[in-house]
Protein backbone atom coordinates (compact mmCIF):
# COMPACT_ATOMS: atom_id res chain seq x y z
CA MET A 1 -35.06 3.00 -9.85
CA THR A 2 -35.74 -0.52 -11.31
CA LYS A 3 -32.53 -2.13 -12.75
CA GLY A 4 -31.89 -1.25 -16.32
CA GLN A 5 -34.40 1.21 -16.26
CA LYS A 6 -33.02 4.44 -18.01
CA ASP A 7 -33.83 8.24 -17.29
CA PHE A 8 -33.33 11.06 -19.77
CA TYR A 9 -30.69 14.02 -18.79
CA ASP A 10 -31.48 16.73 -20.70
CA TYR A 11 -28.60 18.98 -19.36
CA LEU A 12 -26.40 16.71 -16.56
CA HIS A 13 -23.46 19.16 -15.41
CA LEU A 14 -20.60 18.67 -12.76
CA SER A 15 -18.33 21.60 -12.34
CA PRO A 16 -14.53 20.83 -12.83
CA LEU A 17 -12.69 19.78 -9.68
CA LYS A 18 -9.85 20.96 -7.97
CA VAL A 19 -7.95 18.39 -5.95
CA HIS A 20 -5.10 19.32 -3.47
CA VAL A 21 -2.79 16.70 -3.05
CA SER A 22 -0.21 16.09 -0.41
CA PHE A 23 2.01 12.39 0.40
CA SER A 24 4.68 11.88 2.40
CA PHE A 25 7.19 8.59 1.64
CA THR A 26 7.99 8.47 5.44
CA SER A 27 6.49 6.41 7.61
CA TYR A 28 3.98 8.18 10.29
CA LYS A 29 5.35 6.76 13.49
CA SER A 30 3.31 7.89 16.36
CA SER A 31 0.61 5.57 17.11
CA LYS A 32 2.76 2.71 16.22
CA THR A 33 4.71 0.46 18.55
CA SER A 34 8.43 0.04 17.92
CA SER A 35 8.18 -3.17 16.62
CA GLN A 36 5.70 -1.98 14.23
CA VAL A 37 8.03 1.31 13.31
CA LYS A 38 11.42 -0.92 12.55
CA GLN A 39 9.16 -3.67 10.58
CA GLN A 40 7.70 -0.69 8.53
CA SER A 41 10.82 0.84 8.53
CA ARG A 42 12.67 -2.18 6.77
CA ARG A 43 9.86 -2.26 4.35
CA SER A 44 9.91 1.51 3.82
CA ASN A 45 14.08 1.30 3.22
CA SER A 46 13.78 -2.02 0.93
CA PHE A 47 10.92 0.09 -1.21
CA SER A 48 13.35 2.85 -1.51
CA LEU A 49 16.20 1.01 -2.48
CA PHE A 50 14.07 -0.99 -5.35
CA LEU A 51 12.82 2.61 -6.74
CA GLN A 52 16.49 3.69 -6.46
CA SER A 53 17.63 0.86 -8.53
CA LEU A 54 15.01 1.66 -11.54
CA GLY A 55 16.08 5.18 -11.35
CA VAL A 56 13.58 6.26 -9.68
CA THR A 57 14.02 9.28 -7.17
CA MET A 58 10.65 10.12 -4.70
CA SER A 59 10.57 13.02 -2.25
CA ASP A 60 7.71 14.38 -0.22
CA THR A 61 5.39 16.72 -1.91
CA ASP A 62 3.08 19.32 -0.66
CA ASP A 63 0.09 20.53 -2.44
CA ILE A 64 0.08 19.33 -5.40
CA ILE A 65 -3.22 20.49 -7.27
CA PHE A 66 -5.14 18.86 -9.60
CA ARG A 67 -7.62 20.13 -12.12
CA LEU A 68 -10.11 17.72 -13.57
CA ALA A 69 -12.06 19.10 -16.01
CA TYR A 70 -16.41 19.53 -16.00
CA PHE A 71 -18.42 16.70 -16.80
CA GLU A 72 -21.23 17.38 -18.92
CA ARG A 73 -23.90 15.12 -21.12
CA LYS A 74 -26.65 16.59 -22.91
CA HIS A 75 -30.01 15.03 -24.14
CA MET A 76 -28.77 11.52 -23.29
CA PHE A 77 -30.40 8.51 -21.48
CA TYR A 78 -28.27 7.03 -18.87
CA SER A 79 -29.08 3.83 -16.38
CA GLN A 80 -27.78 4.87 -12.94
CA GLU A 81 -24.82 2.25 -13.57
CA ASP A 82 -23.85 3.71 -17.19
CA LEU A 83 -23.59 6.95 -15.50
CA PHE A 84 -21.81 5.98 -13.02
CA SER A 85 -19.25 4.56 -15.44
CA GLU A 86 -19.42 7.19 -17.33
CA MET A 87 -18.07 9.49 -14.68
CA ILE A 88 -16.09 7.42 -13.21
CA ASP A 89 -14.39 7.05 -16.72
CA HIS A 90 -14.46 11.09 -17.35
CA TYR A 91 -12.85 11.71 -13.98
CA THR A 92 -10.06 8.53 -14.06
CA SER A 93 -8.86 9.86 -17.45
CA GLN A 94 -8.64 13.34 -16.17
CA ALA A 95 -6.47 12.22 -13.29
CA ILE A 96 -4.60 10.33 -15.33
CA LYS A 97 -3.77 13.23 -17.39
CA GLN A 98 -2.57 15.16 -14.48
CA VAL A 99 -0.55 12.64 -13.02
CA ARG A 100 1.50 12.59 -16.31
CA ASN A 101 1.67 16.65 -15.91
CA VAL A 102 2.87 16.84 -12.86
CA HIS A 103 5.60 13.98 -13.80
CA PHE A 104 6.44 16.34 -16.88
CA THR A 105 6.52 19.60 -14.91
CA ILE A 106 8.68 17.73 -11.99
CA HIS A 107 11.23 16.18 -14.52
CA GLN A 108 11.58 19.41 -16.83
CA GLY A 109 12.35 21.17 -13.23
CA LEU A 110 15.35 18.56 -12.60
CA HIS A 111 16.85 19.59 -16.24
CA GLN A 112 16.83 23.23 -15.45
């Protein structure tokens, strides 16, 4: 495909995405030397203290599910660059909505 060339998409459908996310705020220590662990621990403690001073409480989370809606376009001309840009914008906005939902759910759970 040459740059700027547009292709016609009669029907383009990418199924919804379901992404499982787990994260931990503790550092992974098994492959680090003791000096690296100490330095990482100081940084982690400083970051935690900073967040706590702002009133933010962080915890480890297992298996948060992000459901991203399908991407669909009908009867459109797109260059490859434009199509990728549309897809990235779509899934980025979906991810932001899901983060807000998770935040709201956690926030509601803390106040019950």
